[in-house]
Amino acid sequence: MLDPRIVALHEAAHAVVGRFLDLPAGSISILPSPSSAGHACVGADVEDALFEARDYALLGEACPARARRALESAALMLIAGEAAVWHAEKLVLVPPVETAEKPKAPAAYRADSDAEQLATILWALAWTAAEKSALNNTLIRRAQALVALPQVWRAIVAIANALLERGELDGATVDALYHDQICELA
């Protein structure tokens, strides 16, 4: 069984990094479902940008800058979940998670996993395997640096703690907790 603290940090990081990038916060949960250990609903225009980028890619044209920025923000938000778990492991707040311990969703549900969504975004943003790999590595470094920022990490921990207490949070609660932590340092 996956440690609930890990799931809470993972989902909280999606929400906090999404808010940090000015994506609207939705509900987040650590209540398990048949398809996942938790979920975070963040961002509204990402799906539109992805469809736009796919259309351009199918035509053999570069993705417009506006759509590219939206997709890069979405990719950072997706990677932030794992980056927060890595950061917590580094700080020895949670035990290291072995890949074999990570829950696997049934095949029918995996299309919406973080990894599948990220792969789709990378497909839309980069043409070659080398470009995809370089972009992925850059995004991982950016996400790791972002979650390590003191005010961002404090917001992640505050929201993760609230998730552990309540199981799920609505967008207004996420926003309030986020602003309490981010604005406290300003």
N, C-alpha and C. Protein backbone atom coordinates (compact mmCIF):
# COMPACT_ATOMS: atom_id res chain seq x y z
N MET A 1 0.86 -1.19 0.00
CA MET A 1 0.00 0.00 0.00
C MET A 1 0.89 1.24 0.00
N LEU A 2 0.57 2.18 -0.83
CA LEU A 2 1.33 3.42 -0.93
C LEU A 2 1.03 4.31 0.27
N ASP A 3 2.07 4.90 0.84
CA ASP A 3 1.95 5.78 1.99
C ASP A 3 1.05 6.97 1.63
N PRO A 4 -0.01 7.25 2.39
CA PRO A 4 -0.91 8.36 2.07
C PRO A 4 -0.19 9.72 2.06
N ARG A 5 0.89 9.84 2.83
CA ARG A 5 1.65 11.10 2.81
C ARG A 5 2.24 11.36 1.43
N ILE A 6 2.67 10.29 0.78
CA ILE A 6 3.26 10.42 -0.56
C ILE A 6 2.20 10.85 -1.55
N VAL A 7 1.04 10.22 -1.48
CA VAL A 7 -0.06 10.59 -2.38
C VAL A 7 -0.46 12.05 -2.13
N ALA A 8 -0.55 12.45 -0.87
CA ALA A 8 -0.93 13.83 -0.53
C ALA A 8 0.10 14.83 -1.05
N LEU A 9 1.38 14.56 -0.86
CA LEU A 9 2.42 15.46 -1.38
C LEU A 9 2.36 15.55 -2.90
N HIS A 10 2.16 14.41 -3.55
CA HIS A 10 2.10 14.35 -5.01
C HIS A 10 0.95 15.22 -5.54
N GLU A 11 -0.25 15.00 -5.00
CA GLU A 11 -1.42 15.75 -5.48
C GLU A 11 -1.34 17.23 -5.09
N ALA A 12 -0.84 17.51 -3.88
CA ALA A 12 -0.68 18.91 -3.46
C ALA A 12 0.30 19.65 -4.36
N ALA A 13 1.36 18.97 -4.79
CA ALA A 13 2.34 19.61 -5.67
C ALA A 13 1.71 19.98 -7.01
N HIS A 14 0.86 19.10 -7.55
CA HIS A 14 0.16 19.46 -8.79
C HIS A 14 -0.60 20.78 -8.59
N ALA A 15 -1.35 20.85 -7.51
CA ALA A 15 -2.18 22.04 -7.26
C ALA A 15 -1.33 23.29 -7.02
N VAL A 16 -0.29 23.18 -6.20
CA VAL A 16 0.52 24.35 -5.85
C VAL A 16 1.29 24.86 -7.06
N VAL A 17 1.93 23.97 -7.79
CA VAL A 17 2.68 24.42 -8.97
C VAL A 17 1.73 24.96 -10.02
N GLY A 18 0.56 24.35 -10.16
CA GLY A 18 -0.44 24.90 -11.06
C GLY A 18 -0.82 26.32 -10.68
N ARG A 19 -1.09 26.55 -9.40
CA ARG A 19 -1.42 27.91 -8.92
C ARG A 19 -0.24 28.86 -9.12
N PHE A 20 0.98 28.39 -8.84
CA PHE A 20 2.18 29.21 -9.01
C PHE A 20 2.31 29.66 -10.47
N LEU A 21 1.85 28.83 -11.39
CA LEU A 21 1.90 29.14 -12.83
C LEU A 21 0.61 29.80 -13.31
N ASP A 22 -0.22 30.25 -12.36
CA ASP A 22 -1.48 30.95 -12.66
C ASP A 22 -2.52 30.08 -13.35
N LEU A 23 -2.47 28.78 -13.14
CA LEU A 23 -3.53 27.90 -13.62
C LEU A 23 -4.61 27.85 -12.54
N PRO A 24 -5.87 27.84 -12.91
CA PRO A 24 -6.93 27.80 -11.89
C PRO A 24 -6.94 26.48 -11.12
N ALA A 25 -7.17 26.59 -9.83
CA ALA A 25 -7.22 25.39 -8.97
C ALA A 25 -8.61 24.80 -8.99
N GLY A 26 -8.65 23.49 -9.05
CA GLY A 26 -9.90 22.76 -8.93
C GLY A 26 -9.81 21.88 -7.69
N SER A 27 -10.60 20.84 -7.67
CA SER A 27 -10.58 19.95 -6.51
C SER A 27 -9.36 19.04 -6.56
N ILE A 28 -8.90 18.63 -5.38
CA ILE A 28 -7.84 17.62 -5.28
C ILE A 28 -8.27 16.61 -4.22
N SER A 29 -7.80 15.38 -4.40
CA SER A 29 -8.25 14.30 -3.51
C SER A 29 -7.16 13.25 -3.35
N ILE A 30 -7.15 12.64 -2.18
CA ILE A 30 -6.31 11.46 -1.97
C ILE A 30 -7.19 10.23 -1.70
N LEU A 31 -8.47 10.36 -1.99
CA LEU A 31 -9.38 9.23 -1.85
C LEU A 31 -9.16 8.31 -3.05
N PRO A 32 -8.76 7.06 -2.82
CA PRO A 32 -8.45 6.19 -3.95
C PRO A 32 -9.69 5.84 -4.77
N SER A 33 -9.45 5.65 -6.05
CA SER A 33 -10.50 5.20 -6.96
C SER A 33 -9.95 3.99 -7.72
N PRO A 34 -10.77 3.34 -8.52
CA PRO A 34 -10.24 2.20 -9.29
C PRO A 34 -9.11 2.59 -10.23
N SER A 35 -9.05 3.88 -10.62
CA SER A 35 -8.06 4.29 -11.61
C SER A 35 -6.87 5.04 -11.04
N SER A 36 -6.91 5.47 -9.77
CA SER A 36 -5.78 6.24 -9.24
C SER A 36 -5.78 6.27 -7.72
N ALA A 37 -4.62 6.67 -7.18
CA ALA A 37 -4.49 6.82 -5.73
C ALA A 37 -4.98 8.19 -5.28
N GLY A 38 -5.14 9.11 -6.22
CA GLY A 38 -5.61 10.47 -5.94
C GLY A 38 -5.75 11.22 -7.25
N HIS A 39 -6.22 12.46 -7.16
CA HIS A 39 -6.31 13.27 -8.38
C HIS A 39 -6.25 14.75 -8.03
N ALA A 40 -5.84 15.54 -9.02
CA ALA A 40 -5.85 16.99 -8.90
C ALA A 40 -6.40 17.55 -10.21
N CYS A 41 -7.39 18.42 -10.11
CA CYS A 41 -7.95 19.09 -11.28
C CYS A 41 -7.38 20.51 -11.31
N VAL A 42 -6.47 20.75 -12.23
CA VAL A 42 -5.80 22.05 -12.31
C VAL A 42 -5.77 22.48 -13.77
N GLY A 43 -6.07 23.76 -14.01
CA GLY A 43 -5.96 24.31 -15.36
C GLY A 43 -7.22 24.10 -16.17
N ALA A 44 -7.49 25.06 -17.02
CA ALA A 44 -8.69 24.97 -17.86
C ALA A 44 -8.34 25.00 -19.33
N ASP A 45 -7.35 25.79 -19.72
CA ASP A 45 -7.05 25.97 -21.13
C ASP A 45 -6.03 24.98 -21.67
N VAL A 46 -5.57 24.07 -20.86
CA VAL A 46 -4.54 23.12 -21.28
C VAL A 46 -5.07 22.20 -22.36
N GLU A 47 -6.28 21.68 -22.18
CA GLU A 47 -6.84 20.77 -23.17
C GLU A 47 -7.01 21.46 -24.52
N ASP A 48 -7.49 22.71 -24.51
CA ASP A 48 -7.63 23.47 -25.76
C ASP A 48 -6.28 23.66 -26.44
N ALA A 49 -5.25 23.99 -25.63
CA ALA A 49 -3.90 24.19 -26.18
C ALA A 49 -3.36 22.89 -26.76
N LEU A 50 -3.66 21.77 -26.10
CA LEU A 50 -3.19 20.49 -26.59
C LEU A 50 -3.84 20.14 -27.93
N PHE A 51 -5.13 20.37 -28.05
CA PHE A 51 -5.80 20.12 -29.33
C PHE A 51 -5.24 21.03 -30.42
N GLU A 52 -4.99 22.30 -30.08
CA GLU A 52 -4.43 23.23 -31.05
C GLU A 52 -3.04 22.77 -31.49
N ALA A 53 -2.20 22.37 -30.52
CA ALA A 53 -0.85 21.91 -30.83
C ALA A 53 -0.88 20.64 -31.69
N ARG A 54 -1.81 19.73 -31.38
CA ARG A 54 -1.94 18.51 -32.19
C ARG A 54 -2.29 18.85 -33.63
N ASP A 55 -3.22 19.80 -33.81
CA ASP A 55 -3.60 20.20 -35.16
C ASP A 55 -2.41 20.74 -35.93
N TYR A 56 -1.61 21.59 -35.30
CA TYR A 56 -0.42 22.15 -35.96
C TYR A 56 0.59 21.04 -36.25
N ALA A 57 0.79 20.12 -35.30
CA ALA A 57 1.75 19.04 -35.50
C ALA A 57 1.33 18.15 -36.66
N LEU A 58 0.04 17.87 -36.78
CA LEU A 58 -0.45 17.05 -37.88
C LEU A 58 -0.25 17.74 -39.23
N LEU A 59 -0.24 19.07 -39.22
CA LEU A 59 0.03 19.83 -40.44
C LEU A 59 1.52 20.02 -40.68
N GLY A 60 2.34 19.55 -39.74
CA GLY A 60 3.78 19.69 -39.88
C GLY A 60 4.28 21.07 -39.54
N GLU A 61 3.52 21.81 -38.75
CA GLU A 61 3.90 23.18 -38.38
C GLU A 61 4.20 23.26 -36.88
N ALA A 62 4.98 24.28 -36.52
CA ALA A 62 5.35 24.48 -35.12
C ALA A 62 4.13 24.95 -34.32
N CYS A 63 4.12 24.58 -33.08
CA CYS A 63 3.06 24.96 -32.14
C CYS A 63 3.14 26.47 -31.88
N PRO A 64 2.02 27.20 -31.91
CA PRO A 64 2.05 28.64 -31.59
C PRO A 64 2.56 28.89 -30.17
N ALA A 65 3.20 30.04 -29.96
CA ALA A 65 3.82 30.36 -28.67
C ALA A 65 2.83 30.29 -27.51
N ARG A 66 1.61 30.79 -27.70
CA ARG A 66 0.62 30.79 -26.62
C ARG A 66 0.28 29.36 -26.20
N ALA A 67 0.05 28.49 -27.17
CA ALA A 67 -0.27 27.10 -26.87
C ALA A 67 0.95 26.40 -26.27
N ARG A 68 2.14 26.74 -26.76
CA ARG A 68 3.38 26.14 -26.23
C ARG A 68 3.55 26.49 -24.74
N ARG A 69 3.32 27.76 -24.39
CA ARG A 69 3.44 28.17 -22.98
C ARG A 69 2.45 27.42 -22.11
N ALA A 70 1.20 27.29 -22.58
CA ALA A 70 0.17 26.58 -21.80
C ALA A 70 0.57 25.12 -21.61
N LEU A 71 1.11 24.49 -22.64
CA LEU A 71 1.49 23.09 -22.55
C LEU A 71 2.72 22.91 -21.67
N GLU A 72 3.68 23.83 -21.75
CA GLU A 72 4.85 23.74 -20.87
C GLU A 72 4.44 23.91 -19.41
N SER A 73 3.50 24.81 -19.14
CA SER A 73 2.99 24.97 -17.76
C SER A 73 2.31 23.69 -17.30
N ALA A 74 1.52 23.08 -18.17
CA ALA A 74 0.85 21.83 -17.82
C ALA A 74 1.86 20.73 -17.56
N ALA A 75 2.91 20.66 -18.38
CA ALA A 75 3.93 19.64 -18.19
C ALA A 75 4.66 19.85 -16.86
N LEU A 76 4.99 21.09 -16.53
CA LEU A 76 5.63 21.37 -15.23
C LEU A 76 4.73 20.94 -14.09
N MET A 77 3.44 21.25 -14.21
CA MET A 77 2.49 20.89 -13.16
C MET A 77 2.40 19.37 -13.02
N LEU A 78 2.42 18.63 -14.13
CA LEU A 78 2.38 17.17 -14.08
C LEU A 78 3.64 16.60 -13.43
N ILE A 79 4.79 17.11 -13.81
CA ILE A 79 6.07 16.62 -13.28
C ILE A 79 6.22 16.98 -11.81
N ALA A 80 5.59 18.06 -11.38
CA ALA A 80 5.72 18.53 -10.00
C ALA A 80 5.30 17.48 -8.98
N GLY A 81 4.34 16.64 -9.32
CA GLY A 81 3.91 15.60 -8.39
C GLY A 81 5.06 14.69 -7.99
N GLU A 82 5.78 14.18 -8.98
CA GLU A 82 6.93 13.33 -8.69
C GLU A 82 8.08 14.13 -8.09
N ALA A 83 8.26 15.38 -8.55
CA ALA A 83 9.33 16.22 -8.01
C ALA A 83 9.15 16.44 -6.51
N ALA A 84 7.90 16.61 -6.07
CA ALA A 84 7.64 16.80 -4.63
C ALA A 84 7.97 15.53 -3.84
N VAL A 85 7.66 14.37 -4.41
CA VAL A 85 8.00 13.13 -3.73
C VAL A 85 9.52 12.97 -3.65
N TRP A 86 10.23 13.31 -4.73
CA TRP A 86 11.70 13.24 -4.71
C TRP A 86 12.25 14.20 -3.65
N HIS A 87 11.68 15.38 -3.58
CA HIS A 87 12.15 16.38 -2.60
C HIS A 87 11.90 15.88 -1.17
N ALA A 88 10.74 15.31 -0.93
CA ALA A 88 10.43 14.78 0.40
C ALA A 88 11.37 13.63 0.77
N GLU A 89 11.68 12.78 -0.20
CA GLU A 89 12.63 11.69 0.05
C GLU A 89 14.01 12.26 0.39
N LYS A 90 14.42 13.30 -0.34
CA LYS A 90 15.72 13.93 -0.09
C LYS A 90 15.78 14.53 1.31
N LEU A 91 14.67 15.10 1.76
CA LEU A 91 14.60 15.68 3.10
C LEU A 91 14.33 14.62 4.18
N VAL A 92 14.20 13.37 3.76
CA VAL A 92 13.91 12.23 4.62
C VAL A 92 12.59 12.44 5.38
N LEU A 93 11.62 13.01 4.70
CA LEU A 93 10.28 13.18 5.27
C LEU A 93 9.41 11.95 5.01
N VAL A 94 9.72 11.26 3.92
CA VAL A 94 9.00 10.03 3.59
C VAL A 94 10.04 9.00 3.14
N PRO A 95 9.74 7.72 3.32
CA PRO A 95 10.69 6.70 2.86
C PRO A 95 10.72 6.67 1.33
N PRO A 96 11.85 6.28 0.75
CA PRO A 96 11.92 6.17 -0.72
C PRO A 96 10.85 5.21 -1.24
N VAL A 97 10.26 5.57 -2.35
CA VAL A 97 9.22 4.74 -2.95
C VAL A 97 9.84 3.92 -4.06
N GLU A 98 9.76 2.61 -3.94
CA GLU A 98 10.25 1.73 -4.99
C GLU A 98 9.22 1.72 -6.11
N THR A 99 9.70 1.68 -7.35
CA THR A 99 8.80 1.68 -8.50
C THR A 99 7.79 0.55 -8.41
N ALA A 100 8.20 -0.60 -7.91
CA ALA A 100 7.29 -1.75 -7.81
C ALA A 100 6.15 -1.48 -6.85
N GLU A 101 6.33 -0.56 -5.89
CA GLU A 101 5.29 -0.26 -4.91
C GLU A 101 4.21 0.68 -5.46
N LYS A 102 4.55 1.42 -6.53
CA LYS A 102 3.60 2.39 -7.05
C LYS A 102 2.39 1.65 -7.63
N PRO A 103 1.19 2.09 -7.25
CA PRO A 103 0.00 1.38 -7.73
C PRO A 103 -0.17 1.53 -9.24
N LYS A 104 -0.57 0.47 -9.87
CA LYS A 104 -0.84 0.49 -11.30
C LYS A 104 -2.35 0.50 -11.51
N ALA A 105 -2.80 1.46 -12.29
CA ALA A 105 -4.22 1.53 -12.62
C ALA A 105 -4.53 0.46 -13.67
N PRO A 106 -5.77 0.01 -13.70
CA PRO A 106 -6.15 -0.91 -14.78
C PRO A 106 -5.87 -0.27 -16.14
N ALA A 107 -5.50 -1.09 -17.12
CA ALA A 107 -5.11 -0.57 -18.44
C ALA A 107 -6.14 0.38 -19.04
N ALA A 108 -7.41 0.13 -18.81
CA ALA A 108 -8.46 0.98 -19.38
C ALA A 108 -8.41 2.40 -18.86
N TYR A 109 -7.80 2.60 -17.70
CA TYR A 109 -7.80 3.92 -17.08
C TYR A 109 -6.48 4.67 -17.25
N ARG A 110 -5.45 4.03 -17.75
CA ARG A 110 -4.12 4.63 -17.75
C ARG A 110 -3.96 5.80 -18.68
N ALA A 111 -4.85 6.03 -19.61
CA ALA A 111 -4.69 7.12 -20.57
C ALA A 111 -4.62 8.49 -19.89
N ASP A 112 -5.19 8.62 -18.70
CA ASP A 112 -5.17 9.90 -18.02
C ASP A 112 -4.08 10.00 -16.96
N SER A 113 -3.16 9.05 -16.90
CA SER A 113 -2.10 9.11 -15.91
C SER A 113 -1.19 10.30 -16.21
N ASP A 114 -0.45 10.74 -15.20
CA ASP A 114 0.49 11.85 -15.40
C ASP A 114 1.45 11.55 -16.54
N ALA A 115 1.99 10.33 -16.57
CA ALA A 115 2.98 9.96 -17.59
C ALA A 115 2.37 10.00 -18.99
N GLU A 116 1.14 9.50 -19.12
CA GLU A 116 0.48 9.52 -20.44
C GLU A 116 0.19 10.95 -20.90
N GLN A 117 -0.27 11.78 -19.98
CA GLN A 117 -0.55 13.17 -20.33
C GLN A 117 0.74 13.88 -20.72
N LEU A 118 1.82 13.64 -19.97
CA LEU A 118 3.10 14.26 -20.27
C LEU A 118 3.61 13.80 -21.63
N ALA A 119 3.49 12.52 -21.93
CA ALA A 119 3.93 12.00 -23.23
C ALA A 119 3.18 12.68 -24.37
N THR A 120 1.89 12.91 -24.18
CA THR A 120 1.10 13.59 -25.20
C THR A 120 1.57 15.03 -25.39
N ILE A 121 1.86 15.70 -24.28
CA ILE A 121 2.34 17.09 -24.36
C ILE A 121 3.70 17.13 -25.05
N LEU A 122 4.60 16.23 -24.69
CA LEU A 122 5.92 16.21 -25.32
C LEU A 122 5.80 15.92 -26.81
N TRP A 123 4.87 15.04 -27.18
CA TRP A 123 4.64 14.75 -28.60
C TRP A 123 4.23 16.03 -29.33
N ALA A 124 3.41 16.86 -28.70
CA ALA A 124 2.93 18.08 -29.34
C ALA A 124 4.00 19.16 -29.40
N LEU A 125 4.96 19.13 -28.48
CA LEU A 125 5.95 20.21 -28.40
C LEU A 125 7.28 19.91 -29.09
N ALA A 126 7.62 18.67 -29.28
CA ALA A 126 8.95 18.33 -29.82
C ALA A 126 8.80 17.36 -30.99
N TRP A 127 9.68 17.53 -31.95
CA TRP A 127 9.58 16.74 -33.19
C TRP A 127 10.32 15.42 -33.11
N THR A 128 11.52 15.42 -32.53
CA THR A 128 12.34 14.21 -32.54
C THR A 128 12.45 13.63 -31.13
N ALA A 129 12.91 12.38 -31.06
CA ALA A 129 13.11 11.74 -29.76
C ALA A 129 14.14 12.52 -28.94
N ALA A 130 15.19 13.02 -29.58
CA ALA A 130 16.22 13.79 -28.88
C ALA A 130 15.63 15.08 -28.32
N GLU A 131 14.78 15.76 -29.10
CA GLU A 131 14.13 16.99 -28.62
C GLU A 131 13.21 16.69 -27.44
N LYS A 132 12.45 15.60 -27.55
CA LYS A 132 11.54 15.20 -26.47
C LYS A 132 12.33 14.92 -25.19
N SER A 133 13.42 14.20 -25.30
CA SER A 133 14.24 13.86 -24.15
C SER A 133 14.84 15.12 -23.52
N ALA A 134 15.37 16.01 -24.35
CA ALA A 134 15.96 17.25 -23.84
C ALA A 134 14.90 18.11 -23.15
N LEU A 135 13.73 18.23 -23.75
CA LEU A 135 12.65 19.01 -23.16
C LEU A 135 12.19 18.38 -21.85
N ASN A 136 12.04 17.07 -21.83
CA ASN A 136 11.64 16.37 -20.61
C ASN A 136 12.65 16.62 -19.49
N ASN A 137 13.94 16.50 -19.80
CA ASN A 137 14.98 16.73 -18.79
C ASN A 137 14.96 18.16 -18.28
N THR A 138 14.75 19.12 -19.18
CA THR A 138 14.67 20.53 -18.78
C THR A 138 13.47 20.75 -17.86
N LEU A 139 12.33 20.18 -18.22
CA LEU A 139 11.13 20.33 -17.41
C LEU A 139 11.29 19.68 -16.04
N ILE A 140 11.94 18.53 -15.99
CA ILE A 140 12.18 17.88 -14.70
C ILE A 140 13.03 18.77 -13.80
N ARG A 141 14.12 19.33 -14.35
CA ARG A 141 14.98 20.23 -13.56
C ARG A 141 14.20 21.45 -13.08
N ARG A 142 13.39 22.03 -13.96
CA ARG A 142 12.59 23.20 -13.57
C ARG A 142 11.58 22.85 -12.48
N ALA A 143 10.92 21.71 -12.61
CA ALA A 143 9.94 21.29 -11.59
C ALA A 143 10.62 21.03 -10.26
N GLN A 144 11.77 20.38 -10.28
CA GLN A 144 12.50 20.11 -9.03
C GLN A 144 12.92 21.41 -8.36
N ALA A 145 13.40 22.37 -9.15
CA ALA A 145 13.80 23.67 -8.59
C ALA A 145 12.58 24.41 -8.04
N LEU A 146 11.47 24.31 -8.73
CA LEU A 146 10.26 25.01 -8.30
C LEU A 146 9.72 24.47 -6.99
N VAL A 147 9.63 23.14 -6.85
CA VAL A 147 9.09 22.60 -5.60
C VAL A 147 10.05 22.80 -4.43
N ALA A 148 11.32 23.02 -4.71
CA ALA A 148 12.30 23.25 -3.65
C ALA A 148 12.30 24.69 -3.14
N LEU A 149 11.63 25.61 -3.85
CA LEU A 149 11.54 26.99 -3.35
C LEU A 149 10.82 26.96 -2.00
N PRO A 150 11.36 27.64 -0.98
CA PRO A 150 10.77 27.54 0.36
C PRO A 150 9.27 27.84 0.42
N GLN A 151 8.81 28.90 -0.23
CA GLN A 151 7.39 29.24 -0.15
C GLN A 151 6.53 28.22 -0.90
N VAL A 152 7.04 27.67 -1.99
CA VAL A 152 6.29 26.66 -2.73
C VAL A 152 6.24 25.37 -1.91
N TRP A 153 7.37 24.96 -1.33
CA TRP A 153 7.39 23.75 -0.52
C TRP A 153 6.45 23.88 0.68
N ARG A 154 6.46 25.04 1.33
CA ARG A 154 5.56 25.24 2.48
C ARG A 154 4.10 25.11 2.06
N ALA A 155 3.75 25.65 0.89
CA ALA A 155 2.37 25.53 0.41
C ALA A 155 2.03 24.07 0.10
N ILE A 156 2.98 23.34 -0.50
CA ILE A 156 2.75 21.93 -0.80
C ILE A 156 2.49 21.16 0.50
N VAL A 157 3.32 21.39 1.51
CA VAL A 157 3.16 20.68 2.79
C VAL A 157 1.84 21.06 3.46
N ALA A 158 1.48 22.35 3.44
CA ALA A 158 0.22 22.79 4.06
C ALA A 158 -0.98 22.13 3.38
N ILE A 159 -0.97 22.08 2.06
CA ILE A 159 -2.10 21.48 1.34
C ILE A 159 -2.08 19.96 1.52
N ALA A 160 -0.90 19.34 1.53
CA ALA A 160 -0.82 17.89 1.77
C ALA A 160 -1.37 17.55 3.16
N ASN A 161 -1.02 18.35 4.17
CA ASN A 161 -1.54 18.11 5.52
C ASN A 161 -3.06 18.23 5.57
N ALA A 162 -3.60 19.24 4.88
CA ALA A 162 -5.06 19.40 4.82
C ALA A 162 -5.70 18.20 4.11
N LEU A 163 -5.05 17.71 3.06
CA LEU A 163 -5.56 16.52 2.36
C LEU A 163 -5.56 15.30 3.27
N LEU A 164 -4.52 15.15 4.06
CA LEU A 164 -4.46 14.01 4.98
C LEU A 164 -5.56 14.08 6.02
N GLU A 165 -5.93 15.29 6.43
CA GLU A 165 -7.00 15.46 7.41
C GLU A 165 -8.38 15.25 6.80
N ARG A 166 -8.60 15.79 5.60
CA ARG A 166 -9.95 15.82 5.01
C ARG A 166 -10.19 14.84 3.87
N GLY A 167 -9.14 14.38 3.22
CA GLY A 167 -9.30 13.46 2.10
C GLY A 167 -9.43 14.15 0.77
N GLU A 168 -10.13 15.27 0.73
CA GLU A 168 -10.27 16.04 -0.51
C GLU A 168 -10.50 17.51 -0.19
N LEU A 169 -10.14 18.37 -1.14
CA LEU A 169 -10.28 19.82 -0.98
C LEU A 169 -10.87 20.39 -2.25
N ASP A 170 -11.71 21.42 -2.10
CA ASP A 170 -12.22 22.10 -3.29
C ASP A 170 -11.24 23.20 -3.71
N GLY A 171 -11.47 23.77 -4.88
CA GLY A 171 -10.57 24.79 -5.42
C GLY A 171 -10.42 26.01 -4.53
N ALA A 172 -11.50 26.44 -3.88
CA ALA A 172 -11.44 27.62 -3.01
C ALA A 172 -10.54 27.36 -1.80
N THR A 173 -10.61 26.16 -1.24
CA THR A 173 -9.76 25.81 -0.10
C THR A 173 -8.31 25.72 -0.53
N VAL A 174 -8.05 25.13 -1.69
CA VAL A 174 -6.69 25.06 -2.22
C VAL A 174 -6.14 26.48 -2.39
N ASP A 175 -6.94 27.36 -3.00
CA ASP A 175 -6.50 28.75 -3.19
C ASP A 175 -6.19 29.43 -1.87
N ALA A 176 -7.05 29.25 -0.88
CA ALA A 176 -6.85 29.90 0.42
C ALA A 176 -5.56 29.40 1.08
N LEU A 177 -5.35 28.09 1.10
CA LEU A 177 -4.14 27.54 1.70
C LEU A 177 -2.90 27.99 0.93
N TYR A 178 -3.00 28.00 -0.39
CA TYR A 178 -1.88 28.43 -1.24
C TYR A 178 -1.51 29.88 -0.92
N HIS A 179 -2.50 30.76 -0.91
CA HIS A 179 -2.24 32.18 -0.65
C HIS A 179 -1.74 32.42 0.76
N ASP A 180 -2.23 31.66 1.74
CA ASP A 180 -1.73 31.79 3.11
C ASP A 180 -0.21 31.55 3.17
N GLN A 181 0.26 30.55 2.46
CA GLN A 181 1.67 30.20 2.50
C GLN A 181 2.53 31.09 1.59
N ILE A 182 2.06 31.37 0.40
CA ILE A 182 2.84 32.17 -0.56
C ILE A 182 2.91 33.63 -0.09
N CYS A 183 1.79 34.17 0.37
CA CYS A 183 1.74 35.58 0.77
C CYS A 183 2.42 35.82 2.12
N GLU A 184 2.59 34.77 2.93
CA GLU A 184 3.20 34.91 4.25
C GLU A 184 4.64 35.41 4.14
N LEU A 185 5.32 35.07 3.05
CA LEU A 185 6.71 35.48 2.87
C LEU A 185 6.85 36.82 2.17
N ALA A 186 5.77 37.31 1.58
CA ALA A 186 5.85 38.56 0.80
C ALA A 186 5.96 39.78 1.69
